[in-house]
Amino acid sequence: MHPIFSNISCYPPFRIDPFPKLTVSNLMIGEFLYRLVEQVEPFFTAKITGMLLEIDRTELLRLMESPRALREKVKEAIEVLRDWIPQTEAYKLQASMLLHKL
């Protein structure tokens, strides 16, 4: 046995949780938020919903209660996506069209 592996049993098992925040309440919030985001931005709904689910729960609940705050946060997410999307002409056109809709 190679010396680097001789003492491997002393380490705890390494585990990656594929769904670290997947709870019933998060699923319900995600589904409700998806419908709200879809009304503001139907093209990138899933991506933006996922981005929003990463923010603080208190802020998230405020967004769900305030259409204006949600529109502003979706606009921020679109700006982030615009910078993230590969810089081809087609994607630039789609991203610029999205910003003009808001």
PDB file of N, CA and C in Angstrom:
ATOM      1  N   MET A   1       0.846  -1.182   0.000  1.00  0.00           N
ATOM      2  CA  MET A   1       0.000   0.000   0.000  1.00  0.00           C
ATOM      3  C   MET A   1       0.892   1.245   0.000  1.00  0.00           C
ATOM      4  N   HIS A   2       0.482   2.221  -0.759  1.00  0.00           N
ATOM      5  CA  HIS A   2       1.235   3.470  -0.840  1.00  0.00           C
ATOM      6  C   HIS A   2       1.161   4.183   0.507  1.00  0.00           C
ATOM      7  N   PRO A   3       2.257   4.815   0.975  1.00  0.00           N
ATOM      8  CA  PRO A   3       2.275   5.459   2.299  1.00  0.00           C
ATOM      9  C   PRO A   3       1.204   6.540   2.469  1.00  0.00           C
ATOM     10  N   ILE A   4       0.832   7.187   1.406  1.00  0.00           N
ATOM     11  CA  ILE A   4      -0.164   8.259   1.537  1.00  0.00           C
ATOM     12  C   ILE A   4      -1.539   7.708   1.925  1.00  0.00           C
ATOM     13  N   PHE A   5      -1.798   6.434   1.574  1.00  0.00           N
ATOM     14  CA  PHE A   5      -3.088   5.828   1.883  1.00  0.00           C
ATOM     15  C   PHE A   5      -3.068   4.973   3.144  1.00  0.00           C
ATOM     16  N   SER A   6      -1.941   4.863   3.803  1.00  0.00           N
ATOM     17  CA  SER A   6      -1.832   3.974   4.953  1.00  0.00           C
ATOM     18  C   SER A   6      -2.662   4.424   6.145  1.00  0.00           C
ATOM     19  N   ASN A   7      -2.908   5.709   6.293  1.00  0.00           N
ATOM     20  CA  ASN A   7      -3.637   6.218   7.452  1.00  0.00           C
ATOM     21  C   ASN A   7      -4.999   6.802   7.049  1.00  0.00           C
ATOM     22  N   ILE A   8      -5.568   6.302   5.972  1.00  0.00           N
ATOM     23  CA  ILE A   8      -6.800   6.887   5.439  1.00  0.00           C
ATOM     24  C   ILE A   8      -8.019   6.636   6.330  1.00  0.00           C
ATOM     25  N   SER A   9      -8.009   5.601   7.118  1.00  0.00           N
ATOM     26  CA  SER A   9      -9.171   5.295   7.950  1.00  0.00           C
ATOM     27  C   SER A   9      -9.377   6.302   9.076  1.00  0.00           C
ATOM     28  N   CYS A  10      -8.394   7.148   9.354  1.00  0.00           N
ATOM     29  CA  CYS A  10      -8.546   8.110  10.438  1.00  0.00           C
ATOM     30  C   CYS A  10      -9.348   9.340  10.022  1.00  0.00           C
ATOM     31  N   TYR A  11      -9.620   9.495   8.729  1.00  0.00           N
ATOM     32  CA  TYR A  11     -10.383  10.648   8.246  1.00  0.00           C
ATOM     33  C   TYR A  11     -11.859  10.298   8.133  1.00  0.00           C
ATOM     34  N   PRO A  12     -12.737  11.250   8.446  1.00  0.00           N
ATOM     35  CA  PRO A  12     -14.167  10.964   8.293  1.00  0.00           C
ATOM     36  C   PRO A  12     -14.506  10.816   6.815  1.00  0.00           C
ATOM     37  N   PRO A  13     -15.555  10.082   6.494  1.00  0.00           N
ATOM     38  CA  PRO A  13     -15.925   9.921   5.083  1.00  0.00           C
ATOM     39  C   PRO A  13     -16.327  11.263   4.476  1.00  0.00           C
ATOM     40  N   PHE A  14     -15.905  11.472   3.262  1.00  0.00           N
ATOM     41  CA  PHE A  14     -16.220  12.708   2.548  1.00  0.00           C
ATOM     42  C   PHE A  14     -17.546  12.516   1.840  1.00  0.00           C
ATOM     43  N   ARG A  15     -18.479  13.429   2.085  1.00  0.00           N
ATOM     44  CA  ARG A  15     -19.815  13.298   1.501  1.00  0.00           C
ATOM     45  C   ARG A  15     -20.209  14.626   0.865  1.00  0.00           C
ATOM     46  N   ILE A  16     -20.666  14.559  -0.362  1.00  0.00           N
ATOM     47  CA  ILE A  16     -21.180  15.740  -1.040  1.00  0.00           C
ATOM     48  C   ILE A  16     -22.688  15.610  -1.094  1.00  0.00           C
ATOM     49  N   ASP A  17     -23.383  16.598  -0.560  1.00  0.00           N
ATOM     50  CA  ASP A  17     -24.834  16.583  -0.573  1.00  0.00           C
ATOM     51  C   ASP A  17     -25.312  17.273  -1.843  1.00  0.00           C
ATOM     52  N   PRO A  18     -25.936  16.540  -2.778  1.00  0.00           N
ATOM     53  CA  PRO A  18     -26.346  17.165  -4.035  1.00  0.00           C
ATOM     54  C   PRO A  18     -27.496  18.159  -3.874  1.00  0.00           C
ATOM     55  N   PHE A  19     -28.257  18.050  -2.807  1.00  0.00           N
ATOM     56  CA  PHE A  19     -29.373  18.956  -2.555  1.00  0.00           C
ATOM     57  C   PHE A  19     -29.276  19.508  -1.139  1.00  0.00           C
ATOM     58  N   PRO A  20     -28.319  20.405  -0.876  1.00  0.00           N
ATOM     59  CA  PRO A  20     -28.062  20.834   0.500  1.00  0.00           C
ATOM     60  C   PRO A  20     -29.206  21.585   1.145  1.00  0.00           C
ATOM     61  N   LYS A  21     -30.029  22.313   0.381  1.00  0.00           N
ATOM     62  CA  LYS A  21     -31.095  23.102   0.978  1.00  0.00           C
ATOM     63  C   LYS A  21     -32.484  22.578   0.591  1.00  0.00           C
ATOM     64  N   LEU A  22     -32.564  21.357   0.136  1.00  0.00           N
ATOM     65  CA  LEU A  22     -33.819  20.833  -0.365  1.00  0.00           C
ATOM     66  C   LEU A  22     -34.704  20.374   0.792  1.00  0.00           C
ATOM     67  N   THR A  23     -35.640  21.240   1.175  1.00  0.00           N
ATOM     68  CA  THR A  23     -36.613  20.910   2.204  1.00  0.00           C
ATOM     69  C   THR A  23     -37.989  21.191   1.627  1.00  0.00           C
ATOM     70  N   VAL A  24     -39.022  20.746   2.316  1.00  0.00           N
ATOM     71  CA  VAL A  24     -40.372  20.973   1.837  1.00  0.00           C
ATOM     72  C   VAL A  24     -40.669  22.465   1.747  1.00  0.00           C
ATOM     73  N   SER A  25     -40.255  23.222   2.763  1.00  0.00           N
ATOM     74  CA  SER A  25     -40.529  24.662   2.727  1.00  0.00           C
ATOM     75  C   SER A  25     -39.781  25.339   1.581  1.00  0.00           C
ATOM     76  N   ASN A  26     -38.534  24.926   1.308  1.00  0.00           N
ATOM     77  CA  ASN A  26     -37.797  25.509   0.192  1.00  0.00           C
ATOM     78  C   ASN A  26     -38.428  25.146  -1.146  1.00  0.00           C
ATOM     79  N   LEU A  27     -38.934  23.932  -1.261  1.00  0.00           N
ATOM     80  CA  LEU A  27     -39.615  23.541  -2.494  1.00  0.00           C
ATOM     81  C   LEU A  27     -40.877  24.383  -2.705  1.00  0.00           C
ATOM     82  N   MET A  28     -41.635  24.594  -1.647  1.00  0.00           N
ATOM     83  CA  MET A  28     -42.863  25.388  -1.758  1.00  0.00           C
ATOM     84  C   MET A  28     -42.529  26.836  -2.118  1.00  0.00           C
ATOM     85  N   ILE A  29     -41.522  27.388  -1.469  1.00  0.00           N
ATOM     86  CA  ILE A  29     -41.098  28.761  -1.776  1.00  0.00           C
ATOM     87  C   ILE A  29     -40.615  28.830  -3.221  1.00  0.00           C
ATOM     88  N   GLY A  30     -39.825  27.853  -3.637  1.00  0.00           N
ATOM     89  CA  GLY A  30     -39.310  27.828  -5.003  1.00  0.00           C
ATOM     90  C   GLY A  30     -40.416  27.767  -6.047  1.00  0.00           C
ATOM     91  N   GLU A  31     -41.420  26.945  -5.806  1.00  0.00           N
ATOM     92  CA  GLU A  31     -42.533  26.836  -6.753  1.00  0.00           C
ATOM     93  C   GLU A  31     -43.335  28.133  -6.815  1.00  0.00           C
ATOM     94  N   PHE A  32     -43.582  28.729  -5.664  1.00  0.00           N
ATOM     95  CA  PHE A  32     -44.325  29.989  -5.630  1.00  0.00           C
ATOM     96  C   PHE A  32     -43.522  31.101  -6.305  1.00  0.00           C
ATOM     97  N   LEU A  33     -42.238  31.162  -5.988  1.00  0.00           N
ATOM     98  CA  LEU A  33     -41.366  32.177  -6.566  1.00  0.00           C
ATOM     99  C   LEU A  33     -41.247  31.996  -8.078  1.00  0.00           C
ATOM    100  N   TYR A  34     -41.196  30.759  -8.537  1.00  0.00           N
ATOM    101  CA  TYR A  34     -41.108  30.479  -9.975  1.00  0.00           C
ATOM    102  C   TYR A  34     -42.283  31.123 -10.718  1.00  0.00           C
ATOM    103  N   ARG A  35     -43.481  30.952 -10.166  1.00  0.00           N
ATOM    104  CA  ARG A  35     -44.669  31.539 -10.821  1.00  0.00           C
ATOM    105  C   ARG A  35     -44.602  33.057 -10.846  1.00  0.00           C
ATOM    106  N   LEU A  36     -44.086  33.660  -9.790  1.00  0.00           N
ATOM    107  CA  LEU A  36     -43.957  35.119  -9.757  1.00  0.00           C
ATOM    108  C   LEU A  36     -42.912  35.608 -10.764  1.00  0.00           C
ATOM    109  N   VAL A  37     -41.779  34.943 -10.803  1.00  0.00           N
ATOM    110  CA  VAL A  37     -40.708  35.338 -11.718  1.00  0.00           C
ATOM    111  C   VAL A  37     -41.146  35.128 -13.165  1.00  0.00           C
ATOM    112  N   GLU A  38     -41.893  34.074 -13.400  1.00  0.00           N
ATOM    113  CA  GLU A  38     -42.363  33.772 -14.758  1.00  0.00           C
ATOM    114  C   GLU A  38     -43.214  34.908 -15.324  1.00  0.00           C
ATOM    115  N   GLN A  39     -43.961  35.586 -14.465  1.00  0.00           N
ATOM    116  CA  GLN A  39     -44.781  36.715 -14.909  1.00  0.00           C
ATOM    117  C   GLN A  39     -43.915  37.908 -15.308  1.00  0.00           C
ATOM    118  N   VAL A  40     -42.754  38.050 -14.680  1.00  0.00           N
ATOM    119  CA  VAL A  40     -41.861  39.165 -14.961  1.00  0.00           C
ATOM    120  C   VAL A  40     -40.925  38.818 -16.118  1.00  0.00           C
ATOM    121  N   GLU A  41     -40.367  37.612 -16.106  1.00  0.00           N
ATOM    122  CA  GLU A  41     -39.400  37.194 -17.120  1.00  0.00           C
ATOM    123  C   GLU A  41     -39.577  35.721 -17.479  1.00  0.00           C
ATOM    124  N   PRO A  42     -40.370  35.430 -18.514  1.00  0.00           N
ATOM    125  CA  PRO A  42     -40.648  34.032 -18.854  1.00  0.00           C
ATOM    126  C   PRO A  42     -39.484  33.271 -19.502  1.00  0.00           C
ATOM    127  N   PHE A  43     -38.533  33.971 -20.110  1.00  0.00           N
ATOM    128  CA  PHE A  43     -37.473  33.281 -20.841  1.00  0.00           C
ATOM    129  C   PHE A  43     -36.431  32.657 -19.914  1.00  0.00           C
ATOM    130  N   PHE A  44     -36.006  33.352 -18.889  1.00  0.00           N
ATOM    131  CA  PHE A  44     -34.979  32.870 -17.966  1.00  0.00           C
ATOM    132  C   PHE A  44     -35.555  32.557 -16.585  1.00  0.00           C
ATOM    133  N   THR A  45     -36.797  32.142 -16.511  1.00  0.00           N
ATOM    134  CA  THR A  45     -37.479  31.936 -15.238  1.00  0.00           C
ATOM    135  C   THR A  45     -36.734  30.979 -14.315  1.00  0.00           C
ATOM    136  N   ALA A  46     -36.366  29.829 -14.822  1.00  0.00           N
ATOM    137  CA  ALA A  46     -35.722  28.817 -13.968  1.00  0.00           C
ATOM    138  C   ALA A  46     -34.379  29.306 -13.432  1.00  0.00           C
ATOM    139  N   LYS A  47     -33.578  29.914 -14.279  1.00  0.00           N
ATOM    140  CA  LYS A  47     -32.260  30.389 -13.859  1.00  0.00           C
ATOM    141  C   LYS A  47     -32.388  31.496 -12.811  1.00  0.00           C
ATOM    142  N   ILE A  48     -33.284  32.443 -13.061  1.00  0.00           N
ATOM    143  CA  ILE A  48     -33.458  33.564 -12.129  1.00  0.00           C
ATOM    144  C   ILE A  48     -34.042  33.072 -10.806  1.00  0.00           C
ATOM    145  N   THR A  49     -34.983  32.144 -10.867  1.00  0.00           N
ATOM    146  CA  THR A  49     -35.550  31.589  -9.636  1.00  0.00           C
ATOM    147  C   THR A  49     -34.452  30.928  -8.809  1.00  0.00           C
ATOM    148  N   GLY A  50     -33.594  30.161  -9.452  1.00  0.00           N
ATOM    149  CA  GLY A  50     -32.475  29.531  -8.748  1.00  0.00           C
ATOM    150  C   GLY A  50     -31.544  30.552  -8.121  1.00  0.00           C
ATOM    151  N   MET A  51     -31.297  31.634  -8.842  1.00  0.00           N
ATOM    152  CA  MET A  51     -30.442  32.692  -8.306  1.00  0.00           C
ATOM    153  C   MET A  51     -31.087  33.327  -7.073  1.00  0.00           C
ATOM    154  N   LEU A  52     -32.377  33.580  -7.153  1.00  0.00           N
ATOM    155  CA  LEU A  52     -33.077  34.224  -6.039  1.00  0.00           C
ATOM    156  C   LEU A  52     -33.164  33.324  -4.817  1.00  0.00           C
ATOM    157  N   LEU A  53     -33.238  32.028  -5.034  1.00  0.00           N
ATOM    158  CA  LEU A  53     -33.322  31.103  -3.907  1.00  0.00           C
ATOM    159  C   LEU A  53     -32.035  31.076  -3.080  1.00  0.00           C
ATOM    160  N   GLU A  54     -30.970  31.638  -3.601  1.00  0.00           N
ATOM    161  CA  GLU A  54     -29.700  31.690  -2.877  1.00  0.00           C
ATOM    162  C   GLU A  54     -29.635  32.844  -1.885  1.00  0.00           C
ATOM    163  N   ILE A  55     -30.549  33.795  -1.969  1.00  0.00           N
ATOM    164  CA  ILE A  55     -30.479  34.952  -1.071  1.00  0.00           C
ATOM    165  C   ILE A  55     -31.119  34.629   0.276  1.00  0.00           C
ATOM    166  N   ASP A  56     -30.948  35.523   1.214  1.00  0.00           N
ATOM    167  CA  ASP A  56     -31.461  35.364   2.572  1.00  0.00           C
ATOM    168  C   ASP A  56     -32.973  35.161   2.569  1.00  0.00           C
ATOM    169  N   ARG A  57     -33.458  34.294   3.431  1.00  0.00           N
ATOM    170  CA  ARG A  57     -34.881  33.944   3.481  1.00  0.00           C
ATOM    171  C   ARG A  57     -35.758  35.163   3.755  1.00  0.00           C
ATOM    172  N   THR A  58     -35.337  36.048   4.644  1.00  0.00           N
ATOM    173  CA  THR A  58     -36.118  37.245   4.960  1.00  0.00           C
ATOM    174  C   THR A  58     -36.273  38.125   3.723  1.00  0.00           C
ATOM    175  N   GLU A  59     -35.178  38.334   3.013  1.00  0.00           N
ATOM    176  CA  GLU A  59     -35.210  39.122   1.781  1.00  0.00           C
ATOM    177  C   GLU A  59     -36.089  38.447   0.729  1.00  0.00           C
ATOM    178  N   LEU A  60     -36.004  37.138   0.669  1.00  0.00           N
ATOM    179  CA  LEU A  60     -36.797  36.376  -0.295  1.00  0.00           C
ATOM    180  C   LEU A  60     -38.294  36.533  -0.028  1.00  0.00           C
ATOM    181  N   LEU A  61     -38.683  36.476   1.223  1.00  0.00           N
ATOM    182  CA  LEU A  61     -40.098  36.641   1.567  1.00  0.00           C
ATOM    183  C   LEU A  61     -40.574  38.055   1.258  1.00  0.00           C
ATOM    184  N   ARG A  62     -39.694  39.041   1.448  1.00  0.00           N
ATOM    185  CA  ARG A  62     -40.044  40.413   1.097  1.00  0.00           C
ATOM    186  C   ARG A  62     -40.279  40.543  -0.408  1.00  0.00           C
ATOM    187  N   LEU A  63     -39.445  39.880  -1.196  1.00  0.00           N
ATOM    188  CA  LEU A  63     -39.613  39.913  -2.647  1.00  0.00           C
ATOM    189  C   LEU A  63     -40.928  39.273  -3.071  1.00  0.00           C
ATOM    190  N   MET A  64     -41.321  38.236  -2.362  1.00  0.00           N
ATOM    191  CA  MET A  64     -42.559  37.539  -2.703  1.00  0.00           C
ATOM    192  C   MET A  64     -43.782  38.384  -2.369  1.00  0.00           C
ATOM    193  N   GLU A  65     -43.639  39.313  -1.443  1.00  0.00           N
ATOM    194  CA  GLU A  65     -44.758  40.172  -1.052  1.00  0.00           C
ATOM    195  C   GLU A  65     -44.813  41.469  -1.844  1.00  0.00           C
ATOM    196  N   SER A  66     -43.712  41.863  -2.461  1.00  0.00           N
ATOM    197  CA  SER A  66     -43.641  43.151  -3.143  1.00  0.00           C
ATOM    198  C   SER A  66     -43.307  42.967  -4.625  1.00  0.00           C
ATOM    199  N   PRO A  67     -44.295  43.147  -5.509  1.00  0.00           N
ATOM    200  CA  PRO A  67     -44.019  43.010  -6.945  1.00  0.00           C
ATOM    201  C   PRO A  67     -42.933  43.969  -7.435  1.00  0.00           C
ATOM    202  N   ARG A  68     -42.907  45.164  -6.886  1.00  0.00           N
ATOM    203  CA  ARG A  68     -41.902  46.137  -7.297  1.00  0.00           C
ATOM    204  C   ARG A  68     -40.495  45.670  -6.920  1.00  0.00           C
ATOM    205  N   ALA A  69     -40.342  45.198  -5.686  1.00  0.00           N
ATOM    206  CA  ALA A  69     -39.035  44.703  -5.236  1.00  0.00           C
ATOM    207  C   ALA A  69     -38.611  43.487  -6.063  1.00  0.00           C
ATOM    208  N   LEU A  70     -39.567  42.630  -6.395  1.00  0.00           N
ATOM    209  CA  LEU A  70     -39.258  41.457  -7.209  1.00  0.00           C
ATOM    210  C   LEU A  70     -38.785  41.874  -8.598  1.00  0.00           C
ATOM    211  N   ARG A  71     -39.478  42.833  -9.214  1.00  0.00           N
ATOM    212  CA  ARG A  71     -39.053  43.311 -10.538  1.00  0.00           C
ATOM    213  C   ARG A  71     -37.627  43.863 -10.498  1.00  0.00           C
ATOM    214  N   GLU A  72     -37.314  44.619  -9.449  1.00  0.00           N
ATOM    215  CA  GLU A  72     -35.961  45.173  -9.322  1.00  0.00           C
ATOM    216  C   GLU A  72     -34.915  44.065  -9.186  1.00  0.00           C
ATOM    217  N   LYS A  73     -35.222  43.057  -8.373  1.00  0.00           N
ATOM    218  CA  LYS A  73     -34.271  41.960  -8.169  1.00  0.00           C
ATOM    219  C   LYS A  73     -34.128  41.123  -9.440  1.00  0.00           C
ATOM    220  N   VAL A  74     -35.221  40.924 -10.172  1.00  0.00           N
ATOM    221  CA  VAL A  74     -35.149  40.203 -11.442  1.00  0.00           C
ATOM    222  C   VAL A  74     -34.307  41.001 -12.436  1.00  0.00           C
ATOM    223  N   LYS A  75     -34.461  42.308 -12.423  1.00  0.00           N
ATOM    224  CA  LYS A  75     -33.652  43.160 -13.304  1.00  0.00           C
ATOM    225  C   LYS A  75     -32.165  42.996 -12.971  1.00  0.00           C
ATOM    226  N   GLU A  76     -31.829  42.971 -11.689  1.00  0.00           N
ATOM    227  CA  GLU A  76     -30.428  42.746 -11.281  1.00  0.00           C
ATOM    228  C   GLU A  76     -29.937  41.389 -11.785  1.00  0.00           C
ATOM    229  N   ALA A  77     -30.788  40.368 -11.645  1.00  0.00           N
ATOM    230  CA  ALA A  77     -30.408  39.024 -12.086  1.00  0.00           C
ATOM    231  C   ALA A  77     -30.187  38.999 -13.597  1.00  0.00           C
ATOM    232  N   ILE A  78     -31.013  39.711 -14.351  1.00  0.00           N
ATOM    233  CA  ILE A  78     -30.844  39.760 -15.802  1.00  0.00           C
ATOM    234  C   ILE A  78     -29.530  40.436 -16.154  1.00  0.00           C
ATOM    235  N   GLU A  79     -29.177  41.463 -15.423  1.00  0.00           N
ATOM    236  CA  GLU A  79     -27.895  42.133 -15.674  1.00  0.00           C
ATOM    237  C   GLU A  79     -26.725  41.188 -15.417  1.00  0.00           C
ATOM    238  N   VAL A  80     -26.831  40.384 -14.366  1.00  0.00           N
ATOM    239  CA  VAL A  80     -25.792  39.393 -14.085  1.00  0.00           C
ATOM    240  C   VAL A  80     -25.751  38.357 -15.203  1.00  0.00           C
ATOM    241  N   LEU A  81     -26.920  37.893 -15.625  1.00  0.00           N
ATOM    242  CA  LEU A  81     -26.979  36.911 -16.709  1.00  0.00           C
ATOM    243  C   LEU A  81     -26.427  37.481 -18.009  1.00  0.00           C
ATOM    244  N   ARG A  82     -26.709  38.729 -18.265  1.00  0.00           N
ATOM    245  CA  ARG A  82     -26.219  39.363 -19.496  1.00  0.00           C
ATOM    246  C   ARG A  82     -24.693  39.303 -19.530  1.00  0.00           C
ATOM    247  N   ASP A  83     -24.058  39.517 -18.384  1.00  0.00           N
ATOM    248  CA  ASP A  83     -22.600  39.445 -18.332  1.00  0.00           C
ATOM    249  C   ASP A  83     -22.099  38.000 -18.368  1.00  0.00           C
ATOM    250  N   TRP A  84     -22.927  37.081 -17.932  1.00  0.00           N
ATOM    251  CA  TRP A  84     -22.533  35.674 -17.841  1.00  0.00           C
ATOM    252  C   TRP A  84     -22.707  34.935 -19.165  1.00  0.00           C
ATOM    253  N   ILE A  85     -23.763  35.245 -19.887  1.00  0.00           N
ATOM    254  CA  ILE A  85     -24.063  34.546 -21.135  1.00  0.00           C
ATOM    255  C   ILE A  85     -22.885  34.717 -22.100  1.00  0.00           C
ATOM    256  N   PRO A  86     -22.514  33.652 -22.780  1.00  0.00           N
ATOM    257  CA  PRO A  86     -21.412  33.782 -23.753  1.00  0.00           C
ATOM    258  C   PRO A  86     -21.660  34.949 -24.710  1.00  0.00           C
ATOM    259  N   GLN A  87     -20.621  35.657 -25.033  1.00  0.00           N
ATOM    260  CA  GLN A  87     -20.739  36.902 -25.780  1.00  0.00           C
ATOM    261  C   GLN A  87     -20.847  36.681 -27.291  1.00  0.00           C
ATOM    262  N   THR A  88     -21.848  35.950 -27.717  1.00  0.00           N
ATOM    263  CA  THR A  88     -22.123  35.823 -29.144  1.00  0.00           C
ATOM    264  C   THR A  88     -23.210  36.827 -29.483  1.00  0.00           C
ATOM    265  N   GLU A  89     -23.329  37.156 -30.732  1.00  0.00           N
ATOM    266  CA  GLU A  89     -24.301  38.171 -31.153  1.00  0.00           C
ATOM    267  C   GLU A  89     -25.734  37.779 -30.794  1.00  0.00           C
ATOM    268  N   ALA A  90     -26.088  36.515 -30.946  1.00  0.00           N
ATOM    269  CA  ALA A  90     -27.457  36.088 -30.648  1.00  0.00           C
ATOM    270  C   ALA A  90     -27.778  36.268 -29.169  1.00  0.00           C
ATOM    271  N   TYR A  91     -26.835  35.890 -28.312  1.00  0.00           N
ATOM    272  CA  TYR A  91     -27.073  36.028 -26.883  1.00  0.00           C
ATOM    273  C   TYR A  91     -27.091  37.490 -26.452  1.00  0.00           C
ATOM    274  N   LYS A  92     -26.251  38.313 -27.065  1.00  0.00           N
ATOM    275  CA  LYS A  92     -26.275  39.741 -26.759  1.00  0.00           C
ATOM    276  C   LYS A  92     -27.633  40.333 -27.103  1.00  0.00           C
ATOM    277  N   LEU A  93     -28.169  39.924 -28.224  1.00  0.00           N
ATOM    278  CA  LEU A  93     -29.475  40.429 -28.646  1.00  0.00           C
ATOM    279  C   LEU A  93     -30.560  39.996 -27.666  1.00  0.00           C
ATOM    280  N   GLN A  94     -30.548  38.719 -27.267  1.00  0.00           N
ATOM    281  CA  GLN A  94     -31.544  38.243 -26.309  1.00  0.00           C
ATOM    282  C   GLN A  94     -31.441  38.975 -24.987  1.00  0.00           C
ATOM    283  N   ALA A  95     -30.240  39.152 -24.477  1.00  0.00           N
ATOM    284  CA  ALA A  95     -30.058  39.819 -23.194  1.00  0.00           C
ATOM    285  C   ALA A  95     -30.479  41.279 -23.276  1.00  0.00           C
ATOM    286  N   SER A  96     -30.159  41.954 -24.372  1.00  0.00           N
ATOM    287  CA  SER A  96     -30.562  43.366 -24.483  1.00  0.00           C
ATOM    288  C   SER A  96     -32.069  43.478 -24.599  1.00  0.00           C
ATOM    289  N   MET A  97     -32.706  42.524 -25.281  1.00  0.00           N
ATOM    290  CA  MET A  97     -34.169  42.550 -25.383  1.00  0.00           C
ATOM    291  C   MET A  97     -34.797  42.356 -24.010  1.00  0.00           C
ATOM    292  N   LEU A  98     -34.206  41.496 -23.190  1.00  0.00           N
ATOM    293  CA  LEU A  98     -34.739  41.249 -21.848  1.00  0.00           C
ATOM    294  C   LEU A  98     -34.673  42.512 -20.999  1.00  0.00           C
ATOM    295  N   LEU A  99     -33.568  43.224 -21.065  1.00  0.00           N
ATOM    296  CA  LEU A  99     -33.440  44.435 -20.265  1.00  0.00           C
ATOM    297  C   LEU A  99     -34.449  45.500 -20.686  1.00  0.00           C
ATOM    298  N   HIS A 100     -34.749  45.573 -21.967  1.00  0.00           N
ATOM    299  CA  HIS A 100     -35.706  46.571 -22.444  1.00  0.00           C
ATOM    300  C   HIS A 100     -37.136  46.238 -22.018  1.00  0.00           C
ATOM    301  N   LYS A 101     -37.406  44.961 -21.747  1.00  0.00           N
ATOM    302  CA  LYS A 101     -38.750  44.561 -21.316  1.00  0.00           C
ATOM    303  C   LYS A 101     -39.052  45.057 -19.911  1.00  0.00           C
ATOM    304  N   LEU A 102     -38.018  45.184 -19.091  1.00  0.00           N
ATOM    305  CA  LEU A 102     -38.232  45.594 -17.708  1.00  0.00           C
ATOM    306  C   LEU A 102     -38.284  47.067 -17.687  1.00  0.00           C
TER     307      LEU A 102
END
